C-alpha cells in the first residue's frame, strides 16, 4: 500500500461514494491498494485469504481462484499518473443480488396476496381470472380451478355488469387511473354477495394493459344493515301515516256523539291510549307481527283490576300483522269500555270471554270473538253510535276484515273474521 497519505484519503472518499463493490489497484502490478466495505466483504467470501493482488483479464473480468471469471468495470482516472485504477465488480454478482431481491420481493408479494383478509385477483383484459387468493375463493365459493374457467362477467349480477364495464373501459382508455364501486357477485351456491370492488391497471412498457388488479371486499353485512334501516324507515313512515289516519277517523266519528268539549277530550284520550298500547307492542316485538295474546292482554289490563276470574282469554299462540294489531287493539278497548259502562263488567257477576281460532266455515281464515254473559240485560241501541262504527267499520278496515256486532239480551257478542294474510302461525 502506498505511503502517500493524501492518496489514501482521496481513495477513501472515492471508494465510499462508489456504489457496489469498488477496489483501487496499482496500474501496472494490479496490487490491491484500497477497497470499500462492500468489496472487503466480497473478497473475504471469495478468497481464503485477503489477496495482495488481483488478476484482471482484458480489463473486463476478474479471475477468481479456480479460474471462474467475474465481470468487472475498470475506470482509469482522468488525471495523469494518478497511481491507481478503479475496479467495480458488476455483472454476475449484481445479477445475483438483483435475483435475490426479486425473489424476496416475490415472496413478500405472495405472502401479502395469499394472507390478505380481502379478496385479491389478477384479471385479464378480457375479464378472465388469472390469479386469485384464498379470501376471494372463500367469499364467492369457487375453487381456484373453477375461477380459471370463468370471467368476472360470468359471476357479476346482471344489474351491475353494465356499470362495471363502463368504468373498466374508462380505465383501459386511460381516462381514470382506478375505480371503486359497490357491486353484487353471484356466489357458487346461488346467493348474492355484496362487495366493494377496487380495480387498477398494470400496464406494459408500451402502455398496453398487462392485467387488472382487483380487490374484492365482502360488504354483505353492511348492505344488510343498510337495507334493514331503509325498511325500518319506510315502515315507520307507513305506520305514522296510518296512525294519523286512525286518529283523524276516530275524532271525526266521535264529534256527533258527545255533548261537550270535555267529554270529547276524555273519550279521545282514552282511545289514544289504546292506540298507543298497540303501537308500543308493535315497536317492542317483531318488525312485521305481534302475538295476538299480547295484544288482547295489554288492552284488557286496565279493566282486569279486582276482576280476577271474570275475564277469560283463550286461543292458540299465533302472530298477527301490524295492521291487525291496530285493528284488534282498538276493537278490544272499545268493547271493554262499553262492558265497563253498560255490560258484563258493570256489575259484580258478569264475565267476558275473548277467544280466537280457525274459522269453521273456512279453515284458511281465522276469527276473534268477544262474548259477554251474566251482565245486565242488553237492549239494542235506537241509533248507531260511535262504538258501533269502531267495531264494524274502523277496526275491520285495518286489515280488510268483516265484523258483526250482536246485541244479544244475554250479553253483547262481537266477531271479526281475520283474513289469512294477516295471520302468522
Protein backbone atom coordinates (compact mmCIF):
# COMPACT_ATOMS: atom_id res chain seq x y z
CA UNK A 1 0.00 0.00 0.00
CA UNK A 2 1.40 3.48 -0.76
CA UNK A 3 2.66 5.69 1.97
CA UNK A 4 1.09 8.80 0.36
CA UNK A 5 -1.46 9.90 2.99
CA UNK A 6 -3.10 12.29 0.54
CA UNK A 7 -3.77 9.50 -1.97
CA UNK A 8 -5.13 7.29 0.81
CA UNK A 9 -7.64 9.95 1.88
CA UNK A 10 -8.54 10.63 -1.74
CA UNK A 11 -9.19 6.92 -2.45
CA UNK A 12 -11.19 6.51 0.75
CA UNK A 13 -13.50 9.32 -0.36
CA UNK A 14 -13.84 7.95 -3.92
CA UNK A 15 -14.48 4.38 -2.80
CA UNK A 16 -17.08 5.39 -0.18
CA UNK A 17 -19.12 7.16 -2.84
CA UNK A 18 -18.87 4.38 -5.41
CA UNK A 19 -21.94 2.07 -5.38
CA UNK A 20 -21.36 -1.67 -5.04
CA UNK A 21 -18.01 -3.35 -4.53
CA UNK A 22 -15.19 -0.92 -5.51
CA UNK A 23 -11.43 -1.62 -5.42
CA UNK A 24 -8.37 0.52 -6.18
CA UNK A 25 -5.40 -1.37 -7.70
CA UNK A 26 -1.95 -0.39 -8.92
CA UNK A 27 -1.95 0.21 -12.73
CA UNK A 28 1.00 -1.99 -13.60
CA UNK A 29 1.02 -4.72 -10.97
CA UNK A 30 -2.72 -4.97 -10.08
CA UNK A 31 -1.70 -4.92 -6.42
CA UNK A 32 -4.51 -4.08 -4.05
CA UNK A 33 -4.25 -0.51 -2.81
CA UNK A 34 -7.60 0.13 -1.09
CA UNK A 35 -11.27 -1.05 -1.18
CA UNK A 36 -14.64 -0.13 0.31
CA UNK A 37 -16.57 -2.14 2.91
CA UNK A 38 -18.75 -3.92 0.33
CA UNK A 39 -15.67 -5.05 -1.58
CA UNK A 40 -14.00 -6.22 1.64
CA UNK A 41 -16.95 -8.50 2.41
CA UNK A 42 -16.97 -9.79 -1.15
CA UNK A 43 -13.20 -10.51 -1.20
CA UNK A 44 -13.43 -12.37 2.11
CA UNK A 45 -16.25 -14.55 0.76
CA UNK A 46 -14.39 -15.44 -2.49
CA UNK A 47 -10.74 -15.79 -1.29
CA UNK A 48 -9.40 -17.95 1.51
CA UNK A 49 -7.01 -15.16 2.43
CA UNK A 50 -7.13 -11.50 1.51
CA UNK A 51 -5.21 -11.33 -1.82
CA UNK A 52 -2.26 -8.99 -2.30
CA UNK A 53 -3.16 -8.51 -5.98
CA UNK A 54 -5.98 -9.25 -8.41
CA UNK A 55 -5.80 -10.81 -11.86
CA UNK A 56 -7.77 -8.70 -14.33
CA UNK A 57 -8.23 -10.13 -17.84
CA UNK A 58 -8.60 -7.59 -20.64
CA UNK A 59 -9.79 -5.02 -18.14
CA UNK A 60 -13.23 -6.63 -18.06
CA UNK A 61 -13.05 -9.75 -15.92
CA UNK A 62 -11.65 -10.65 -12.51
CA UNK A 63 -10.16 -14.14 -12.36
CA UNK A 64 -11.12 -15.97 -9.17
CA UNK A 65 -9.30 -18.99 -7.72
CA UNK A 66 -10.27 -21.95 -9.86
CA UNK A 67 -10.48 -19.84 -13.00
CA UNK A 68 -14.05 -18.54 -12.70
CA UNK A 69 -14.47 -15.08 -14.19
CA UNK A 70 -16.49 -12.30 -12.67
CA UNK A 71 -17.33 -9.32 -14.91
CA UNK A 72 -15.87 -6.00 -13.76
CA UNK A 73 -15.81 -2.41 -14.88
CA UNK A 74 -12.41 -0.70 -14.95
CA UNK A 75 -12.13 3.08 -14.66
CA UNK A 76 -8.94 5.00 -15.48
CA UNK A 77 -8.58 8.28 -13.55
CA UNK A 78 -8.64 11.44 -15.66
CA UNK A 79 -5.52 12.90 -14.10
CA UNK A 80 -2.19 11.56 -15.46
CA UNK A 81 -0.03 9.36 -13.23
CA UNK A 82 -2.82 9.08 -10.68
CA UNK A 83 -1.21 5.92 -9.33
CA UNK A 84 -4.35 3.75 -9.28
CA UNK A 85 -7.12 2.12 -11.32
CA UNK A 86 -10.66 1.85 -10.05
CA UNK A 87 -12.32 -1.59 -10.44
CA UNK A 88 -16.02 -2.06 -9.79
CA UNK A 89 -17.48 -5.55 -9.62
CA UNK A 90 -20.52 -5.95 -11.86
CA UNK A 91 -22.37 -8.50 -13.92
CA UNK A 92 -22.73 -11.83 -12.18
CA UNK A 93 -22.71 -10.61 -8.59
CA UNK A 94 -25.01 -7.64 -9.35
CA UNK A 95 -27.27 -10.05 -11.18
CA UNK A 96 -27.27 -12.40 -8.22
CA UNK A 97 -28.15 -9.50 -5.94
CA UNK A 98 -30.95 -8.45 -8.29
CA UNK A 99 -32.27 -12.01 -8.48
CA UNK A 100 -32.18 -12.32 -4.70
CA UNK A 101 -34.02 -9.02 -4.36
CA UNK A 102 -36.61 -10.11 -6.91
CA UNK A 103 -37.08 -13.38 -5.06
CA UNK A 104 -37.50 -11.52 -1.78
CA UNK A 105 -39.99 -9.11 -3.37
CA UNK A 106 -41.88 -12.04 -4.91
CA UNK A 107 -42.02 -13.82 -1.54
CA UNK A 108 -43.33 -10.64 0.11
CA UNK A 109 -45.91 -10.15 -2.63
CA UNK A 110 -47.02 -13.79 -2.44
CA UNK A 111 -47.38 -13.62 1.35
CA UNK A 112 -49.39 -10.38 1.08
CA UNK A 113 -51.50 -11.75 -1.78
CA UNK A 114 -52.32 -15.05 -0.10
CA UNK A 115 -52.71 -13.90 3.50
CA UNK A 116 -54.81 -10.79 2.90
CA UNK A 117 -58.23 -10.94 4.55
CA UNK A 118 -59.82 -9.37 1.47
CA UNK A 119 -60.16 -10.92 -1.96
CA UNK A 120 -57.35 -10.09 -4.39
CA UNK A 121 -57.24 -11.18 -8.02
CA UNK A 122 -55.37 -10.56 -11.26
CA UNK A 123 -57.80 -10.31 -14.15
CA UNK A 124 -57.07 -10.35 -17.88
CA UNK A 125 -58.22 -7.63 -20.25
CA UNK A 126 -60.99 -9.98 -21.47
CA UNK A 127 -62.25 -10.47 -17.91
CA UNK A 128 -60.66 -13.90 -17.36
CA UNK A 129 -59.35 -14.68 -13.89
CA UNK A 130 -55.55 -15.08 -13.97
CA UNK A 131 -54.77 -15.40 -10.29
CA UNK A 132 -56.93 -15.43 -7.14
CA UNK A 133 -56.23 -15.68 -3.42
CA UNK A 134 -57.90 -17.77 -0.73
CA UNK A 135 -60.05 -14.89 0.53
CA UNK A 136 -61.87 -14.36 -2.77
CA UNK A 137 -62.39 -18.12 -3.09
CA UNK A 138 -63.99 -18.18 0.36
CA UNK A 139 -66.13 -15.11 -0.37
CA UNK A 140 -67.52 -16.30 -3.70
CA UNK A 141 -67.44 -20.06 -3.10
CA UNK A 142 -65.41 -21.11 -6.16
CA UNK A 143 -62.14 -23.05 -6.23
CA UNK A 144 -59.07 -21.68 -7.99
CA UNK A 145 -59.57 -24.12 -10.88
CA UNK A 146 -63.21 -23.02 -11.25
CA UNK A 147 -62.16 -19.37 -11.34
CA UNK A 148 -59.70 -20.11 -14.14
CA UNK A 149 -62.57 -21.39 -16.29
CA UNK A 150 -64.68 -18.22 -15.90
CA UNK A 151 -64.64 -14.47 -16.41
CA UNK A 152 -65.70 -11.86 -13.89
CA UNK A 153 -68.65 -11.15 -16.19
CA UNK A 154 -69.92 -14.70 -15.58
CA UNK A 155 -70.43 -14.16 -11.85
CA UNK A 156 -71.37 -10.46 -11.79
CA UNK A 157 -75.02 -9.70 -11.04
CA UNK A 158 -76.68 -8.70 -14.34
CA UNK A 159 -77.95 -5.43 -12.88
CA UNK A 160 -74.37 -4.33 -12.01
CA UNK A 161 -72.49 -5.55 -15.09
CA UNK A 162 -73.03 -2.51 -17.34
CA UNK A 163 -71.80 -0.04 -14.72
CA UNK A 164 -68.73 -2.19 -14.04
CA UNK A 165 -67.85 -2.48 -17.74
CA UNK A 166 -68.29 1.27 -18.30
CA UNK A 167 -65.75 2.01 -15.56
CA UNK A 168 -63.40 -0.70 -16.85
CA UNK A 169 -63.47 0.77 -20.37
CA UNK A 170 -62.62 4.21 -18.95
CA UNK A 171 -59.70 2.63 -17.11
CA UNK A 172 -58.43 0.93 -20.30
CA UNK A 173 -58.72 4.21 -22.23
CA UNK A 174 -56.64 5.99 -19.59
CA UNK A 175 -59.46 8.35 -18.61
CA UNK A 176 -59.18 7.20 -14.98
CA UNK A 177 -56.32 5.62 -13.03
CA UNK A 178 -58.52 3.30 -10.95
CA UNK A 179 -62.13 2.90 -9.87
CA UNK A 180 -64.16 1.64 -6.94
CA UNK A 181 -67.80 0.56 -6.81
CA UNK A 182 -70.25 -1.48 -4.74
CA UNK A 183 -71.46 -4.42 -6.81
CA UNK A 184 -73.09 -7.82 -6.48
CA UNK A 185 -71.50 -11.14 -7.30
CA UNK A 186 -73.31 -14.47 -7.63
CA UNK A 187 -71.88 -16.96 -5.15
CA UNK A 188 -71.45 -20.55 -6.32
CA UNK A 189 -74.39 -21.53 -4.09
CA UNK A 190 -76.58 -19.02 -5.96
CA UNK A 191 -76.96 -16.32 -3.32
CA UNK A 192 -75.92 -12.71 -3.84
CA UNK A 193 -72.72 -11.38 -2.30
CA UNK A 194 -72.34 -7.61 -1.99
CA UNK A 195 -68.74 -6.46 -2.39
CA UNK A 196 -66.77 -3.26 -2.69
CA UNK A 197 -64.62 -3.65 -5.80
CA UNK A 198 -61.46 -1.60 -6.40
CA UNK A 199 -59.67 -2.03 -9.76
CA UNK A 200 -56.35 -0.69 -11.05
CA UNK A 201 -54.47 -1.49 -14.27
CA UNK A 202 -50.97 -2.94 -14.56
CA UNK A 203 -49.52 -1.74 -17.86
CA UNK A 204 -46.61 -2.93 -20.01
CA UNK A 205 -43.70 -0.68 -21.00
CA UNK A 206 -45.57 0.26 -24.18
CA UNK A 207 -48.61 1.38 -22.20
CA UNK A 208 -50.78 -1.59 -23.14
CA UNK A 209 -52.76 -3.43 -20.44
CA UNK A 210 -50.90 -6.35 -18.86
CA UNK A 211 -53.67 -7.22 -16.39
CA UNK A 212 -56.02 -5.68 -13.86
CA UNK A 213 -55.54 -5.85 -10.10
CA UNK A 214 -58.90 -6.28 -8.36
CA UNK A 215 -59.56 -6.03 -4.62
CA UNK A 216 -62.89 -7.54 -3.55
CA UNK A 217 -64.08 -6.71 -0.04
CA UNK A 218 -67.21 -8.50 1.20
CA UNK A 219 -69.72 -5.89 2.45
CA UNK A 220 -72.81 -8.12 2.61
CA UNK A 221 -73.32 -7.48 6.33
CA UNK A 222 -73.08 -3.71 5.81
CA UNK A 223 -75.58 -3.85 2.95
CA UNK A 224 -77.96 -5.99 5.01
CA UNK A 225 -77.80 -3.42 7.83
CA UNK A 226 -78.46 -0.60 5.35
CA UNK A 227 -81.46 -2.44 3.90
CA UNK A 228 -82.80 -3.05 7.41
CA UNK A 229 -82.51 0.65 8.22
CA UNK A 230 -84.26 1.57 4.97
CA UNK A 231 -87.02 -0.95 5.69
CA UNK A 232 -87.48 0.40 9.20
CA UNK A 233 -87.62 3.97 7.90
CA UNK A 234 -90.30 3.06 5.36
CA UNK A 235 -92.19 1.06 7.98
CA UNK A 236 -92.06 3.96 10.43
CA UNK A 237 -93.32 6.39 7.80
CA UNK A 238 -96.12 3.98 6.85
CA UNK A 239 -97.15 3.41 10.47
CA UNK A 240 -97.10 7.12 11.23
CA UNK A 241 -99.35 7.81 8.26
CA UNK A 242 -101.76 5.06 9.31
CA UNK A 243 -101.75 6.28 12.90
CA UNK A 244 -102.66 9.81 11.85
CA UNK A 245 -105.46 8.42 9.67
CA UNK A 246 -106.84 6.40 12.58
CA UNK A 247 -106.74 9.37 14.95
CA UNK A 248 -108.48 11.55 12.37
CA UNK A 249 -111.20 8.93 11.77
CA UNK A 250 -111.80 8.37 15.50
CA UNK A 251 -112.03 12.09 16.16
CA UNK A 252 -114.39 12.76 13.24
CA UNK A 253 -116.74 9.90 14.17
CA UNK A 254 -116.74 10.86 17.85
CA UNK A 255 -117.77 14.50 17.39
CA UNK A 256 -121.51 13.87 16.81
CA UNK A 257 -121.72 11.51 19.81
CA UNK A 258 -120.54 13.84 22.58
CA UNK A 259 -122.23 16.72 24.36
CA UNK A 260 -119.22 18.78 25.43
CA UNK A 261 -115.59 19.53 24.67
CA UNK A 262 -114.60 17.94 27.98
CA UNK A 263 -116.37 14.69 27.11
CA UNK A 264 -114.76 14.71 23.67
CA UNK A 265 -111.33 15.26 25.22
CA UNK A 266 -111.74 12.47 27.78
CA UNK A 267 -113.06 9.90 25.30
CA UNK A 268 -110.45 10.79 22.70
CA UNK A 269 -107.68 10.48 25.30
CA UNK A 270 -108.90 7.01 26.29
CA UNK A 271 -108.81 5.80 22.70
CA UNK A 272 -105.43 7.36 22.06
CA UNK A 273 -104.07 5.36 25.00
CA UNK A 274 -105.46 2.17 23.44
CA UNK A 275 -103.83 3.03 20.13
CA UNK A 276 -100.57 3.83 21.93
CA UNK A 277 -100.53 0.45 23.69
CA UNK A 278 -100.90 -1.33 20.37
CA UNK A 279 -98.21 0.85 18.83
CA UNK A 280 -95.81 0.12 21.71
CA UNK A 281 -96.39 -3.59 21.24
CA UNK A 282 -95.51 -3.39 17.55
CA UNK A 283 -92.32 -1.47 18.26
CA UNK A 284 -91.17 -3.83 21.03
CA UNK A 285 -91.89 -7.05 19.13
CA UNK A 286 -91.05 -8.28 15.66
CA UNK A 287 -90.95 -5.81 12.81
CA UNK A 288 -93.93 -7.22 10.92
CA UNK A 289 -96.08 -9.07 13.50
CA UNK A 290 -97.01 -9.46 17.18
CA UNK A 291 -98.69 -12.02 19.42
CA UNK A 292 -102.49 -11.76 19.41
CA UNK A 293 -102.49 -12.86 23.06
CA UNK A 294 -100.29 -9.92 24.00
CA UNK A 295 -102.47 -7.53 22.01
CA UNK A 296 -105.62 -8.64 23.85
CA UNK A 297 -103.92 -8.86 27.26
CA UNK A 298 -102.45 -5.37 27.04
CA UNK A 299 -105.76 -3.79 26.06
CA UNK A 300 -107.63 -5.64 28.83
CA UNK A 301 -105.05 -4.93 31.54
CA UNK A 302 -106.64 -1.62 32.69
CA UNK A 303 -110.00 -3.41 33.12
CA UNK A 304 -108.74 -6.56 34.89
CA UNK A 305 -108.08 -4.90 38.28
CA UNK A 306 -110.25 -6.51 41.00
CA UNK A 307 -111.92 -8.70 38.38
CA UNK A 308 -109.93 -11.90 38.79
CA UNK A 309 -111.58 -14.83 37.04
CA UNK A 310 -114.08 -12.67 35.22
CA UNK A 311 -112.03 -12.07 32.10
CA UNK A 312 -111.12 -15.22 30.16
CA UNK A 313 -108.60 -15.01 27.30
CA UNK A 314 -108.01 -18.19 25.28
CA UNK A 315 -106.74 -19.27 21.89
CA UNK A 316 -103.65 -20.72 20.19
CA UNK A 317 -100.36 -18.82 20.10
CA UNK A 318 -100.38 -17.04 16.75
CA UNK A 319 -98.84 -13.86 15.39
CA UNK A 320 -100.87 -11.22 13.60
CA UNK A 321 -99.77 -8.46 11.25
CA UNK A 322 -99.18 -4.90 12.42
CA UNK A 323 -102.41 -3.83 10.72
CA UNK A 324 -104.27 -6.50 12.71
CA UNK A 325 -102.57 -5.35 15.93
CA UNK A 326 -104.01 -1.85 15.49
CA UNK A 327 -107.47 -3.06 14.49
CA UNK A 328 -107.82 -5.72 17.18
CA UNK A 329 -106.38 -3.42 19.86
CA UNK A 330 -108.83 -0.62 19.06
CA UNK A 331 -111.81 -3.01 18.94
CA UNK A 332 -110.98 -4.81 22.22
CA UNK A 333 -110.55 -1.49 24.04
CA UNK A 334 -113.89 -0.22 22.70
CA UNK A 335 -115.68 -3.43 23.75
CA UNK A 336 -114.08 -3.35 27.21
CA UNK A 337 -115.04 0.31 27.73
CA UNK A 338 -118.67 -0.40 26.83
CA UNK A 339 -118.67 -3.53 29.03
CA UNK A 340 -117.42 -1.47 31.96
CA UNK A 341 -120.07 1.21 31.46
CA UNK A 342 -123.10 -0.82 30.44
CA UNK A 343 -122.26 -4.53 30.13
CA UNK A 344 -120.79 -7.54 31.89
CA UNK A 345 -118.07 -5.59 33.70
CA UNK A 346 -120.52 -3.04 35.14
CA UNK A 347 -121.76 -5.44 37.88
CA UNK A 348 -120.13 -7.93 40.25
CA UNK A 349 -121.03 -11.16 38.45
CA UNK A 350 -120.62 -10.52 34.71
CA UNK A 351 -117.90 -12.25 32.70
CA UNK A 352 -116.13 -11.61 29.40
CA UNK A 353 -114.63 -14.29 27.17
CA UNK A 354 -112.22 -13.35 24.36
CA UNK A 355 -111.23 -16.23 22.10
CA UNK A 356 -109.79 -16.84 18.65
CA UNK A 357 -109.22 -19.75 16.33
CA UNK A 358 -109.65 -21.01 12.77
CA UNK A 359 -112.86 -20.06 11.02
CA UNK A 360 -115.10 -23.17 10.98
CA UNK A 361 -116.53 -22.06 7.64
CA UNK A 362 -113.12 -21.53 6.04
CA UNK A 363 -110.12 -23.09 7.78
CA UNK A 364 -107.76 -20.76 5.94
CA UNK A 365 -109.19 -17.72 7.76
CA UNK A 366 -109.19 -17.01 11.47
CA UNK A 367 -111.63 -15.28 13.81
CA UNK A 368 -111.58 -13.35 17.08
CA UNK A 369 -114.71 -13.49 19.25
CA UNK A 370 -115.90 -11.34 22.17
CA UNK A 371 -118.76 -12.70 24.33
CA UNK A 372 -120.33 -11.26 27.49
CA UNK A 373 -122.61 -13.11 29.93
CA UNK A 374 -124.24 -12.66 33.34
CA UNK A 375 -124.29 -8.90 32.92
CA UNK A 376 -127.34 -6.59 32.67
CA UNK A 377 -129.90 -7.44 30.04
CA UNK A 378 -128.77 -5.97 26.75
CA UNK A 379 -131.03 -3.72 24.72
CA UNK A 380 -130.17 -2.79 21.13
CA UNK A 381 -129.45 0.95 20.73
CA UNK A 382 -132.00 3.05 18.91
CA UNK A 383 -129.33 4.50 16.62
CA UNK A 384 -125.81 3.52 15.55
CA UNK A 385 -123.24 5.29 17.72
CA UNK A 386 -119.52 5.83 17.65
CA UNK A 387 -118.75 2.49 19.32
CA UNK A 388 -120.64 0.60 16.64
CA UNK A 389 -118.66 2.46 13.96
CA UNK A 390 -115.36 1.46 15.61
CA UNK A 391 -116.33 -2.20 15.89
CA UNK A 392 -117.93 -2.68 12.48
CA UNK A 393 -116.08 -0.18 10.31
CA UNK A 394 -112.85 1.32 11.67
CA UNK A 395 -111.25 -1.76 13.29
CA UNK A 396 -112.02 -4.19 10.42
CA UNK A 397 -110.77 -1.64 7.87
CA UNK A 398 -107.20 -2.07 9.15
CA UNK A 399 -107.00 -5.49 7.52
CA UNK A 400 -109.88 -5.62 5.06
CA UNK A 401 -111.84 -7.80 7.50
CA UNK A 402 -115.54 -8.23 8.20
CA UNK A 403 -117.16 -7.97 11.63
CA UNK A 404 -120.56 -8.49 13.23
CA UNK A 405 -121.82 -6.83 16.42
CA UNK A 406 -124.78 -8.63 18.06
CA UNK A 407 -126.82 -7.11 20.89
CA UNK A 408 -127.94 -10.43 22.43
CA UNK A 409 -130.09 -9.84 25.56
CA UNK A 410 -127.81 -12.32 27.41
CA UNK A 411 -124.70 -10.34 26.53
CA UNK A 412 -123.03 -8.42 23.71
CA UNK A 413 -121.16 -10.50 21.15
CA UNK A 414 -118.72 -9.38 18.51
CA UNK A 415 -116.94 -11.49 15.93
CA UNK A 416 -114.37 -10.45 13.32
CA UNK A 417 -113.01 -12.68 10.56
CA UNK A 418 -109.25 -12.23 10.09
CA UNK A 419 -108.06 -12.73 6.50
CA UNK A 420 -105.36 -15.39 6.26
CA UNK A 421 -102.82 -12.85 5.04
CA UNK A 422 -102.79 -11.18 8.45
CA UNK A 423 -102.10 -14.34 10.49
CA UNK A 424 -98.67 -15.89 11.10
CA UNK A 425 -98.88 -19.38 12.60
